[in-house]
């Protein structure tokens, strides 16, 4: 959770430094994917013994930082929910496969954040 908090802090810094959007920012697909990853991790980590809403709070923090208009906020929420529901429909208990998915999604979330920071950060 600490690593992802650091990741989210970097993403928040990028979002805060971003110029106003007349059109979709080039990093928008990466942020939407990050939202989906957060939703996946929210479901999987709680399934595998982590209790709490830390991943949902990270998503809320991303939304607060981005200050999206209503349609964009709805896309963020839909991405988070898609990630959550995709695993909810597959796993009802923590399995080795679920643990491996957690590992992969943590790695992907870190990579997405690094990529956005490297390309678009100040």
N, C-alpha and C. Protein backbone atom coordinates (compact mmCIF):
# COMPACT_ATOMS: atom_id res chain seq x y z
N UNK A 1 0.83 -1.19 0.00
CA UNK A 1 0.00 0.00 0.00
C UNK A 1 0.88 1.25 0.00
N UNK A 2 2.01 1.19 0.68
CA UNK A 2 2.90 2.35 0.75
C UNK A 2 3.44 2.65 -0.65
N UNK A 3 3.82 1.61 -1.40
CA UNK A 3 4.34 1.84 -2.74
C UNK A 3 3.31 2.52 -3.62
N UNK A 4 2.06 2.05 -3.55
CA UNK A 4 1.05 2.66 -4.38
C UNK A 4 0.73 4.07 -3.91
N UNK A 5 0.85 4.35 -2.62
CA UNK A 5 0.66 5.72 -2.14
C UNK A 5 1.69 6.64 -2.77
N UNK A 6 2.91 6.17 -2.86
CA UNK A 6 3.96 6.95 -3.52
C UNK A 6 3.63 7.12 -4.99
N UNK A 7 3.16 6.07 -5.62
CA UNK A 7 2.78 6.14 -7.03
C UNK A 7 1.69 7.17 -7.23
N UNK A 8 0.69 7.12 -6.37
CA UNK A 8 -0.44 8.04 -6.49
C UNK A 8 0.01 9.48 -6.23
N UNK A 9 0.97 9.67 -5.35
CA UNK A 9 1.48 11.02 -5.10
C UNK A 9 2.14 11.57 -6.35
N UNK A 10 2.90 10.74 -7.06
CA UNK A 10 3.53 11.16 -8.30
C UNK A 10 2.45 11.48 -9.34
N UNK A 11 1.45 10.58 -9.45
CA UNK A 11 0.37 10.81 -10.41
C UNK A 11 -0.37 12.10 -10.09
N UNK A 12 -0.59 12.35 -8.80
CA UNK A 12 -1.28 13.56 -8.38
C UNK A 12 -0.46 14.79 -8.76
N UNK A 13 0.85 14.71 -8.60
CA UNK A 13 1.70 15.83 -8.98
C UNK A 13 1.66 16.11 -10.47
N UNK A 14 1.61 15.05 -11.24
CA UNK A 14 1.52 15.20 -12.69
C UNK A 14 0.20 15.85 -13.05
N UNK A 15 -0.86 15.36 -12.45
CA UNK A 15 -2.19 15.89 -12.75
C UNK A 15 -2.28 17.36 -12.36
N UNK A 16 -1.69 17.72 -11.24
CA UNK A 16 -1.76 19.10 -10.78
C UNK A 16 -0.97 20.03 -11.71
N UNK A 17 0.08 19.51 -12.31
CA UNK A 17 0.91 20.33 -13.18
C UNK A 17 0.41 20.36 -14.62
N UNK A 18 -0.61 19.56 -14.91
CA UNK A 18 -1.10 19.46 -16.28
C UNK A 18 -1.82 20.74 -16.70
N UNK A 19 -1.67 21.12 -17.94
CA UNK A 19 -2.40 22.30 -18.43
C UNK A 19 -3.89 22.00 -18.57
N UNK A 20 -4.68 23.05 -18.69
CA UNK A 20 -6.11 22.87 -18.91
C UNK A 20 -6.32 22.06 -20.18
N UNK A 21 -7.37 21.25 -20.19
CA UNK A 21 -7.59 20.34 -21.30
C UNK A 21 -8.64 20.88 -22.26
N UNK A 22 -8.23 21.21 -23.45
CA UNK A 22 -9.19 21.55 -24.50
C UNK A 22 -9.62 20.25 -25.17
N UNK A 23 -8.68 19.33 -25.27
CA UNK A 23 -8.94 18.00 -25.82
C UNK A 23 -8.38 17.00 -24.82
N UNK A 24 -8.63 15.74 -25.07
CA UNK A 24 -8.15 14.71 -24.16
C UNK A 24 -6.63 14.78 -24.07
N UNK A 25 -6.13 14.78 -22.84
CA UNK A 25 -4.68 14.79 -22.63
C UNK A 25 -4.09 13.47 -23.12
N UNK A 26 -2.85 13.50 -23.60
CA UNK A 26 -2.25 12.28 -24.12
C UNK A 26 -2.08 11.18 -23.05
N UNK A 27 -2.08 11.56 -21.77
CA UNK A 27 -1.94 10.58 -20.71
C UNK A 27 -3.28 10.07 -20.19
N UNK A 28 -4.38 10.54 -20.78
CA UNK A 28 -5.71 10.15 -20.32
C UNK A 28 -5.94 8.63 -20.33
N UNK A 29 -5.58 7.92 -21.40
CA UNK A 29 -5.77 6.47 -21.37
C UNK A 29 -5.00 5.79 -20.23
N UNK A 30 -3.82 6.30 -19.93
CA UNK A 30 -3.04 5.73 -18.82
C UNK A 30 -3.72 5.97 -17.48
N UNK A 31 -4.29 7.17 -17.29
CA UNK A 31 -5.00 7.44 -16.04
C UNK A 31 -6.26 6.59 -15.92
N UNK A 32 -6.95 6.38 -17.02
CA UNK A 32 -8.14 5.53 -16.97
C UNK A 32 -7.76 4.09 -16.67
N UNK A 33 -6.66 3.65 -17.24
CA UNK A 33 -6.19 2.29 -16.94
C UNK A 33 -5.78 2.20 -15.47
N UNK A 34 -5.13 3.24 -14.95
CA UNK A 34 -4.75 3.25 -13.55
C UNK A 34 -6.00 3.14 -12.67
N UNK A 35 -7.07 3.82 -13.04
CA UNK A 35 -8.32 3.73 -12.29
C UNK A 35 -8.84 2.29 -12.29
N UNK A 36 -8.74 1.63 -13.44
CA UNK A 36 -9.17 0.23 -13.53
C UNK A 36 -8.30 -0.67 -12.66
N UNK A 37 -7.01 -0.43 -12.67
CA UNK A 37 -6.09 -1.20 -11.83
C UNK A 37 -6.43 -1.00 -10.35
N UNK A 38 -6.73 0.23 -9.96
CA UNK A 38 -7.10 0.49 -8.56
C UNK A 38 -8.37 -0.26 -8.18
N UNK A 39 -9.34 -0.31 -9.07
CA UNK A 39 -10.56 -1.07 -8.79
C UNK A 39 -10.27 -2.56 -8.65
N UNK A 40 -9.42 -3.08 -9.50
CA UNK A 40 -9.04 -4.49 -9.42
C UNK A 40 -8.35 -4.79 -8.10
N UNK A 41 -7.41 -3.93 -7.73
CA UNK A 41 -6.69 -4.12 -6.48
C UNK A 41 -7.61 -3.98 -5.27
N UNK A 42 -8.57 -3.08 -5.36
CA UNK A 42 -9.52 -2.91 -4.25
C UNK A 42 -10.26 -4.23 -4.00
N UNK A 43 -10.70 -4.87 -5.05
CA UNK A 43 -11.40 -6.14 -4.87
C UNK A 43 -10.43 -7.25 -4.42
N UNK A 44 -9.36 -7.42 -5.15
CA UNK A 44 -8.45 -8.55 -4.90
C UNK A 44 -7.76 -8.47 -3.54
N UNK A 45 -7.27 -7.31 -3.17
CA UNK A 45 -6.56 -7.20 -1.89
C UNK A 45 -7.50 -7.47 -0.72
N UNK A 46 -8.74 -6.99 -0.80
CA UNK A 46 -9.70 -7.28 0.26
C UNK A 46 -10.07 -8.76 0.25
N UNK A 47 -10.18 -9.35 -0.91
CA UNK A 47 -10.48 -10.78 -1.01
C UNK A 47 -9.38 -11.60 -0.34
N UNK A 48 -8.16 -11.16 -0.48
CA UNK A 48 -7.01 -11.91 0.03
C UNK A 48 -6.53 -11.44 1.40
N UNK A 49 -7.41 -10.82 2.17
CA UNK A 49 -7.08 -10.56 3.57
C UNK A 49 -6.85 -9.13 3.99
N UNK A 50 -6.67 -8.23 3.06
CA UNK A 50 -6.50 -6.83 3.43
C UNK A 50 -7.89 -6.26 3.70
N UNK A 51 -8.06 -5.65 4.84
CA UNK A 51 -9.38 -5.06 5.09
C UNK A 51 -9.27 -3.55 5.02
N UNK A 52 -10.26 -2.95 4.43
CA UNK A 52 -10.26 -1.50 4.35
C UNK A 52 -10.59 -1.00 2.97
N UNK A 53 -10.55 0.30 2.85
CA UNK A 53 -10.90 0.94 1.59
C UNK A 53 -9.76 1.81 1.06
N UNK A 54 -8.54 1.41 1.34
CA UNK A 54 -7.37 2.19 0.92
C UNK A 54 -7.28 2.39 -0.58
N UNK A 55 -7.63 1.38 -1.34
CA UNK A 55 -7.54 1.49 -2.80
C UNK A 55 -8.63 2.42 -3.33
N UNK A 56 -9.80 2.36 -2.71
CA UNK A 56 -10.87 3.28 -3.10
C UNK A 56 -10.47 4.72 -2.74
N UNK A 57 -9.84 4.89 -1.59
CA UNK A 57 -9.38 6.23 -1.20
C UNK A 57 -8.33 6.77 -2.18
N UNK A 58 -7.47 5.88 -2.68
CA UNK A 58 -6.49 6.30 -3.68
C UNK A 58 -7.20 6.79 -4.95
N UNK A 59 -8.27 6.10 -5.32
CA UNK A 59 -9.05 6.51 -6.48
C UNK A 59 -9.70 7.86 -6.23
N UNK A 60 -10.27 8.04 -5.06
CA UNK A 60 -10.88 9.32 -4.71
C UNK A 60 -9.85 10.44 -4.75
N UNK A 61 -8.65 10.14 -4.29
CA UNK A 61 -7.57 11.13 -4.30
C UNK A 61 -7.19 11.52 -5.73
N UNK A 62 -7.15 10.53 -6.61
CA UNK A 62 -6.85 10.81 -8.01
C UNK A 62 -7.93 11.72 -8.61
N UNK A 63 -9.19 11.41 -8.32
CA UNK A 63 -10.29 12.23 -8.83
C UNK A 63 -10.21 13.65 -8.26
N UNK A 64 -9.96 13.77 -6.97
CA UNK A 64 -9.84 15.08 -6.35
C UNK A 64 -8.73 15.90 -6.98
N UNK A 65 -7.63 15.26 -7.28
CA UNK A 65 -6.49 15.94 -7.87
C UNK A 65 -6.78 16.38 -9.30
N UNK A 66 -7.43 15.50 -10.05
CA UNK A 66 -7.74 15.80 -11.45
C UNK A 66 -8.84 16.84 -11.60
N UNK A 67 -9.74 16.93 -10.63
CA UNK A 67 -10.88 17.85 -10.71
C UNK A 67 -11.60 17.73 -12.05
N UNK A 68 -12.03 16.52 -12.39
CA UNK A 68 -12.65 16.31 -13.71
C UNK A 68 -14.05 16.89 -13.78
N UNK A 69 -14.47 17.22 -15.00
CA UNK A 69 -15.86 17.60 -15.20
C UNK A 69 -16.71 16.33 -15.04
N UNK A 70 -18.01 16.48 -15.02
CA UNK A 70 -18.90 15.35 -14.72
C UNK A 70 -18.73 14.16 -15.68
N UNK A 71 -18.64 14.36 -16.99
CA UNK A 71 -18.47 13.20 -17.88
C UNK A 71 -17.14 12.48 -17.66
N UNK A 72 -16.10 13.24 -17.42
CA UNK A 72 -14.78 12.62 -17.20
C UNK A 72 -14.75 11.90 -15.85
N UNK A 73 -15.36 12.49 -14.85
CA UNK A 73 -15.45 11.82 -13.54
C UNK A 73 -16.20 10.50 -13.69
N UNK A 74 -17.25 10.50 -14.47
CA UNK A 74 -18.02 9.27 -14.70
C UNK A 74 -17.14 8.21 -15.38
N UNK A 75 -16.26 8.62 -16.27
CA UNK A 75 -15.34 7.67 -16.93
C UNK A 75 -14.34 7.08 -15.92
N UNK A 76 -13.83 7.93 -15.03
CA UNK A 76 -12.93 7.43 -13.98
C UNK A 76 -13.65 6.38 -13.13
N UNK A 77 -14.85 6.71 -12.70
CA UNK A 77 -15.61 5.80 -11.84
C UNK A 77 -15.94 4.51 -12.58
N UNK A 78 -16.32 4.63 -13.84
CA UNK A 78 -16.63 3.44 -14.64
C UNK A 78 -15.39 2.55 -14.79
N UNK A 79 -14.23 3.15 -14.97
CA UNK A 79 -12.99 2.37 -15.09
C UNK A 79 -12.68 1.64 -13.79
N UNK A 80 -12.81 2.34 -12.66
CA UNK A 80 -12.58 1.71 -11.36
C UNK A 80 -13.55 0.54 -11.17
N UNK A 81 -14.82 0.78 -11.45
CA UNK A 81 -15.83 -0.27 -11.26
C UNK A 81 -15.62 -1.44 -12.21
N UNK A 82 -15.18 -1.18 -13.43
CA UNK A 82 -14.89 -2.26 -14.38
C UNK A 82 -13.79 -3.16 -13.83
N UNK A 83 -12.75 -2.56 -13.27
CA UNK A 83 -11.68 -3.36 -12.68
C UNK A 83 -12.18 -4.19 -11.52
N UNK A 84 -12.97 -3.58 -10.66
CA UNK A 84 -13.53 -4.29 -9.50
C UNK A 84 -14.40 -5.46 -9.95
N UNK A 85 -15.34 -5.18 -10.84
CA UNK A 85 -16.31 -6.20 -11.27
C UNK A 85 -15.68 -7.31 -12.09
N UNK A 86 -14.63 -7.00 -12.82
CA UNK A 86 -14.01 -8.05 -13.63
C UNK A 86 -13.45 -9.17 -12.76
N UNK A 87 -12.93 -8.82 -11.59
CA UNK A 87 -12.42 -9.85 -10.70
C UNK A 87 -13.51 -10.40 -9.78
N UNK A 88 -14.47 -9.58 -9.44
CA UNK A 88 -15.57 -10.04 -8.60
C UNK A 88 -16.32 -11.18 -9.30
N UNK A 89 -16.40 -11.12 -10.63
CA UNK A 89 -17.12 -12.15 -11.38
C UNK A 89 -16.32 -13.44 -11.51
N UNK A 90 -15.03 -13.39 -11.20
CA UNK A 90 -14.17 -14.56 -11.38
C UNK A 90 -13.77 -15.21 -10.06
N UNK A 91 -13.45 -14.42 -9.05
CA UNK A 91 -12.92 -14.94 -7.80
C UNK A 91 -13.89 -14.74 -6.65
N UNK A 92 -14.17 -15.83 -5.93
CA UNK A 92 -14.98 -15.72 -4.72
C UNK A 92 -14.15 -16.04 -3.48
N UNK A 93 -12.92 -16.50 -3.71
CA UNK A 93 -11.98 -16.74 -2.61
C UNK A 93 -10.58 -16.44 -3.10
N UNK A 94 -9.70 -16.22 -2.15
CA UNK A 94 -8.31 -15.91 -2.49
C UNK A 94 -7.62 -17.20 -2.93
N UNK A 95 -7.09 -17.18 -4.12
CA UNK A 95 -6.39 -18.33 -4.69
C UNK A 95 -4.98 -17.89 -5.09
N UNK A 96 -4.18 -18.85 -5.46
CA UNK A 96 -2.84 -18.53 -5.95
C UNK A 96 -2.93 -17.63 -7.19
N UNK A 97 -3.91 -17.86 -8.01
CA UNK A 97 -4.11 -17.05 -9.20
C UNK A 97 -4.49 -15.61 -8.82
N UNK A 98 -5.32 -15.44 -7.81
CA UNK A 98 -5.69 -14.10 -7.34
C UNK A 98 -4.46 -13.37 -6.80
N UNK A 99 -3.64 -14.08 -6.05
CA UNK A 99 -2.41 -13.48 -5.50
C UNK A 99 -1.48 -13.06 -6.64
N UNK A 100 -1.38 -13.88 -7.67
CA UNK A 100 -0.56 -13.54 -8.82
C UNK A 100 -1.13 -12.32 -9.54
N UNK A 101 -2.45 -12.24 -9.64
CA UNK A 101 -3.09 -11.06 -10.25
C UNK A 101 -2.76 -9.80 -9.46
N UNK A 102 -2.77 -9.91 -8.14
CA UNK A 102 -2.40 -8.75 -7.30
C UNK A 102 -0.98 -8.31 -7.64
N UNK A 103 -0.08 -9.26 -7.71
CA UNK A 103 1.32 -8.93 -8.01
C UNK A 103 1.42 -8.23 -9.37
N UNK A 104 0.74 -8.77 -10.36
CA UNK A 104 0.81 -8.18 -11.70
C UNK A 104 0.19 -6.79 -11.75
N UNK A 105 -0.93 -6.62 -11.07
CA UNK A 105 -1.59 -5.32 -11.09
C UNK A 105 -0.80 -4.27 -10.30
N UNK A 106 -0.17 -4.67 -9.23
CA UNK A 106 0.70 -3.74 -8.50
C UNK A 106 1.83 -3.28 -9.43
N UNK A 107 2.42 -4.22 -10.13
CA UNK A 107 3.51 -3.91 -11.05
C UNK A 107 3.01 -3.00 -12.18
N UNK A 108 1.84 -3.30 -12.72
CA UNK A 108 1.30 -2.47 -13.80
C UNK A 108 0.98 -1.06 -13.31
N UNK A 109 0.41 -0.94 -12.12
CA UNK A 109 0.11 0.38 -11.57
C UNK A 109 1.36 1.21 -11.40
N UNK A 110 2.42 0.58 -10.91
CA UNK A 110 3.69 1.29 -10.77
C UNK A 110 4.24 1.72 -12.13
N UNK A 111 4.15 0.81 -13.11
CA UNK A 111 4.66 1.11 -14.45
C UNK A 111 3.87 2.25 -15.10
N UNK A 112 2.55 2.23 -14.96
CA UNK A 112 1.73 3.30 -15.52
C UNK A 112 2.11 4.65 -14.93
N UNK A 113 2.29 4.66 -13.63
CA UNK A 113 2.62 5.91 -12.95
C UNK A 113 4.00 6.41 -13.38
N UNK A 114 4.97 5.51 -13.44
CA UNK A 114 6.31 5.91 -13.89
C UNK A 114 6.27 6.44 -15.32
N UNK A 115 5.51 5.75 -16.19
CA UNK A 115 5.42 6.15 -17.59
C UNK A 115 4.83 7.56 -17.72
N UNK A 116 3.75 7.81 -17.03
CA UNK A 116 3.12 9.13 -17.09
C UNK A 116 4.05 10.18 -16.52
N UNK A 117 4.71 9.87 -15.41
CA UNK A 117 5.63 10.82 -14.79
C UNK A 117 6.80 11.14 -15.72
N UNK A 118 7.33 10.10 -16.36
CA UNK A 118 8.48 10.31 -17.24
C UNK A 118 8.12 11.11 -18.48
N UNK A 119 6.96 10.87 -19.04
CA UNK A 119 6.58 11.54 -20.28
C UNK A 119 5.97 12.92 -20.07
N UNK A 120 5.20 13.08 -18.97
CA UNK A 120 4.40 14.29 -18.83
C UNK A 120 4.67 15.09 -17.56
N UNK A 121 5.50 14.55 -16.67
CA UNK A 121 5.78 15.26 -15.41
C UNK A 121 6.74 16.42 -15.64
N UNK A 122 6.77 17.29 -14.68
CA UNK A 122 7.68 18.45 -14.78
C UNK A 122 9.00 18.12 -14.13
